[in-house]
């Protein structure tokens, strides 16, 4: 579940709650919807550097709130 506040975006998944800056909403929305999106597309949509988006996704994977798949 994604909750968007004025100063924070909260994602509840895998029994945990993750807090992010408001800019993360554009990255999290497609992921919460179950879409498969590459990091570059997420970064472009959010207007963030790819490195920042990779860090966000890494945090989700480490918290077992997301999985990483192969696009073969």
N, C-alpha and C. Protein backbone atom coordinates (compact mmCIF):
# COMPACT_ATOMS: atom_id res chain seq x y z
N UNK A 1 0.84 -1.17 0.00
CA UNK A 1 0.00 0.00 0.00
C UNK A 1 0.89 1.24 0.00
N UNK A 2 0.55 2.19 -0.81
CA UNK A 2 1.31 3.43 -0.95
C UNK A 2 0.49 4.58 -0.38
N UNK A 3 1.06 5.29 0.57
CA UNK A 3 0.40 6.46 1.16
C UNK A 3 1.27 7.67 0.87
N UNK A 4 0.64 8.70 0.31
CA UNK A 4 1.37 9.90 -0.06
C UNK A 4 0.94 11.05 0.83
N UNK A 5 1.92 11.60 1.54
CA UNK A 5 1.68 12.76 2.37
C UNK A 5 2.40 13.96 1.78
N UNK A 6 2.31 15.07 2.46
CA UNK A 6 2.96 16.29 1.98
C UNK A 6 4.48 16.18 1.99
N UNK A 7 5.00 15.55 3.05
CA UNK A 7 6.45 15.51 3.23
C UNK A 7 7.05 14.11 3.13
N UNK A 8 6.21 13.11 2.90
CA UNK A 8 6.71 11.74 2.91
C UNK A 8 5.80 10.84 2.07
N UNK A 9 6.42 9.82 1.50
CA UNK A 9 5.69 8.75 0.82
C UNK A 9 6.00 7.49 1.60
N UNK A 10 4.95 6.79 2.02
CA UNK A 10 5.13 5.58 2.81
C UNK A 10 4.63 4.38 2.02
N UNK A 11 5.47 3.36 1.97
CA UNK A 11 5.13 2.11 1.32
C UNK A 11 5.07 1.03 2.38
N UNK A 12 3.94 0.37 2.47
CA UNK A 12 3.79 -0.77 3.37
C UNK A 12 3.80 -2.03 2.52
N UNK A 13 4.80 -2.88 2.77
CA UNK A 13 4.94 -4.11 2.00
C UNK A 13 5.78 -5.10 2.79
N UNK A 14 5.52 -6.36 2.60
CA UNK A 14 6.30 -7.43 3.22
C UNK A 14 6.40 -7.27 4.73
N UNK A 15 5.34 -6.77 5.35
CA UNK A 15 5.33 -6.62 6.80
C UNK A 15 6.17 -5.46 7.32
N UNK A 16 6.62 -4.60 6.44
CA UNK A 16 7.44 -3.45 6.82
C UNK A 16 6.86 -2.18 6.22
N UNK A 17 7.26 -1.06 6.79
CA UNK A 17 6.89 0.24 6.25
C UNK A 17 8.16 0.97 5.89
N UNK A 18 8.21 1.48 4.67
CA UNK A 18 9.37 2.21 4.16
C UNK A 18 8.95 3.66 3.95
N UNK A 19 9.79 4.59 4.40
CA UNK A 19 9.51 6.01 4.21
C UNK A 19 10.49 6.60 3.21
N UNK A 20 9.94 7.39 2.28
CA UNK A 20 10.75 8.00 1.23
C UNK A 20 10.37 9.47 1.08
N UNK A 21 11.24 10.22 0.45
CA UNK A 21 10.95 11.60 0.10
C UNK A 21 9.82 11.62 -0.93
N UNK A 22 9.08 12.72 -1.01
CA UNK A 22 7.96 12.80 -1.96
C UNK A 22 8.33 12.49 -3.40
N UNK A 23 9.56 12.77 -3.80
CA UNK A 23 9.99 12.51 -5.17
C UNK A 23 9.95 11.03 -5.53
N UNK A 24 9.95 10.18 -4.53
CA UNK A 24 9.94 8.73 -4.76
C UNK A 24 8.59 8.22 -5.27
N UNK A 25 7.54 9.01 -5.13
CA UNK A 25 6.22 8.55 -5.56
C UNK A 25 6.21 8.12 -7.02
N UNK A 26 6.86 8.88 -7.89
CA UNK A 26 6.87 8.55 -9.32
C UNK A 26 7.61 7.24 -9.61
N UNK A 27 8.51 6.86 -8.73
CA UNK A 27 9.22 5.58 -8.86
C UNK A 27 8.36 4.45 -8.30
N UNK A 28 7.73 4.70 -7.18
CA UNK A 28 7.00 3.64 -6.47
C UNK A 28 5.67 3.28 -7.12
N UNK A 29 4.97 4.23 -7.68
CA UNK A 29 3.64 3.96 -8.26
C UNK A 29 3.65 2.81 -9.27
N UNK A 30 4.53 2.83 -10.28
CA UNK A 30 4.51 1.71 -11.23
C UNK A 30 4.91 0.38 -10.59
N UNK A 31 5.77 0.42 -9.60
CA UNK A 31 6.19 -0.81 -8.93
C UNK A 31 5.05 -1.39 -8.11
N UNK A 32 4.33 -0.54 -7.40
CA UNK A 32 3.19 -0.99 -6.60
C UNK A 32 2.10 -1.54 -7.51
N UNK A 33 1.97 -0.98 -8.70
CA UNK A 33 0.98 -1.46 -9.67
C UNK A 33 1.38 -2.79 -10.32
N UNK A 34 2.61 -3.24 -10.02
CA UNK A 34 3.06 -4.52 -10.56
C UNK A 34 3.68 -4.44 -11.94
N UNK A 35 3.95 -3.23 -12.40
CA UNK A 35 4.55 -3.08 -13.73
C UNK A 35 6.03 -3.43 -13.68
N UNK A 36 6.54 -3.95 -14.78
CA UNK A 36 7.97 -4.19 -14.95
C UNK A 36 8.53 -2.99 -15.70
N UNK A 37 9.40 -2.24 -15.03
CA UNK A 37 9.94 -1.02 -15.60
C UNK A 37 11.44 -1.00 -15.34
N UNK A 38 12.23 -0.62 -16.35
CA UNK A 38 13.67 -0.56 -16.12
C UNK A 38 14.02 0.70 -15.34
N UNK A 39 15.18 0.67 -14.71
CA UNK A 39 15.61 1.77 -13.84
C UNK A 39 15.70 3.10 -14.59
N UNK A 40 16.17 3.06 -15.83
CA UNK A 40 16.30 4.29 -16.61
C UNK A 40 14.93 4.94 -16.84
N UNK A 41 13.92 4.14 -17.12
CA UNK A 41 12.58 4.69 -17.33
C UNK A 41 12.02 5.26 -16.04
N UNK A 42 12.24 4.56 -14.94
CA UNK A 42 11.78 5.08 -13.64
C UNK A 42 12.47 6.40 -13.32
N UNK A 43 13.77 6.46 -13.56
CA UNK A 43 14.53 7.68 -13.28
C UNK A 43 14.04 8.84 -14.13
N UNK A 44 13.80 8.57 -15.41
CA UNK A 44 13.33 9.62 -16.31
C UNK A 44 11.96 10.14 -15.88
N UNK A 45 11.06 9.23 -15.55
CA UNK A 45 9.72 9.61 -15.12
C UNK A 45 9.76 10.45 -13.85
N UNK A 46 10.63 10.06 -12.92
CA UNK A 46 10.72 10.76 -11.63
C UNK A 46 11.59 12.00 -11.69
N UNK A 47 12.38 12.14 -12.76
CA UNK A 47 13.31 13.26 -12.83
C UNK A 47 14.45 13.14 -11.84
N UNK A 48 14.85 11.89 -11.59
CA UNK A 48 15.92 11.60 -10.64
C UNK A 48 17.08 10.91 -11.33
N UNK A 49 18.29 11.01 -10.76
CA UNK A 49 19.41 10.25 -11.32
C UNK A 49 19.17 8.74 -11.18
N UNK A 50 19.64 7.99 -12.14
CA UNK A 50 19.49 6.52 -12.10
C UNK A 50 20.08 5.95 -10.82
N UNK A 51 21.17 6.53 -10.34
CA UNK A 51 21.81 6.04 -9.12
C UNK A 51 20.86 6.14 -7.92
N UNK A 52 20.08 7.22 -7.85
CA UNK A 52 19.12 7.38 -6.75
C UNK A 52 18.01 6.35 -6.84
N UNK A 53 17.52 6.11 -8.04
CA UNK A 53 16.47 5.12 -8.24
C UNK A 53 17.00 3.72 -7.92
N UNK A 54 18.22 3.43 -8.32
CA UNK A 54 18.83 2.13 -8.01
C UNK A 54 18.94 1.95 -6.51
N UNK A 55 19.30 3.00 -5.78
CA UNK A 55 19.39 2.93 -4.33
C UNK A 55 18.04 2.66 -3.69
N UNK A 56 17.01 3.30 -4.19
CA UNK A 56 15.66 3.08 -3.68
C UNK A 56 15.24 1.62 -3.91
N UNK A 57 15.45 1.13 -5.12
CA UNK A 57 15.08 -0.25 -5.43
C UNK A 57 15.91 -1.23 -4.60
N UNK A 58 17.18 -0.91 -4.41
CA UNK A 58 18.04 -1.78 -3.58
C UNK A 58 17.49 -1.85 -2.15
N UNK A 59 17.02 -0.74 -1.63
CA UNK A 59 16.43 -0.73 -0.29
C UNK A 59 15.19 -1.62 -0.23
N UNK A 60 14.37 -1.57 -1.26
CA UNK A 60 13.18 -2.43 -1.30
C UNK A 60 13.54 -3.90 -1.40
N UNK A 61 14.53 -4.22 -2.21
CA UNK A 61 14.96 -5.61 -2.36
C UNK A 61 15.56 -6.11 -1.04
N UNK A 62 16.38 -5.30 -0.41
CA UNK A 62 17.00 -5.69 0.87
C UNK A 62 15.93 -5.93 1.94
N UNK A 63 14.85 -5.14 1.88
CA UNK A 63 13.75 -5.30 2.83
C UNK A 63 12.74 -6.35 2.39
N UNK A 64 13.04 -7.05 1.31
CA UNK A 64 12.21 -8.11 0.74
C UNK A 64 10.83 -7.61 0.34
N UNK A 65 10.74 -6.32 -0.01
CA UNK A 65 9.48 -5.75 -0.48
C UNK A 65 9.40 -5.79 -2.00
N UNK A 66 10.50 -6.19 -2.66
CA UNK A 66 10.53 -6.26 -4.11
C UNK A 66 11.51 -7.34 -4.52
N UNK A 67 11.34 -7.80 -5.75
CA UNK A 67 12.27 -8.75 -6.31
C UNK A 67 12.86 -8.16 -7.58
N UNK A 68 14.01 -8.65 -7.94
CA UNK A 68 14.66 -8.21 -9.17
C UNK A 68 14.60 -9.35 -10.15
N UNK A 69 14.13 -9.05 -11.35
CA UNK A 69 14.02 -10.08 -12.37
C UNK A 69 14.89 -9.75 -13.56
N UNK A 70 15.02 -10.70 -14.42
CA UNK A 70 15.79 -10.55 -15.64
C UNK A 70 14.86 -10.20 -16.79
N UNK A 71 15.29 -9.33 -17.65
CA UNK A 71 14.52 -8.97 -18.84
C UNK A 71 15.16 -9.60 -20.07
N UNK A 72 15.10 -10.89 -20.16
CA UNK A 72 15.70 -11.60 -21.29
C UNK A 72 14.73 -11.73 -22.43
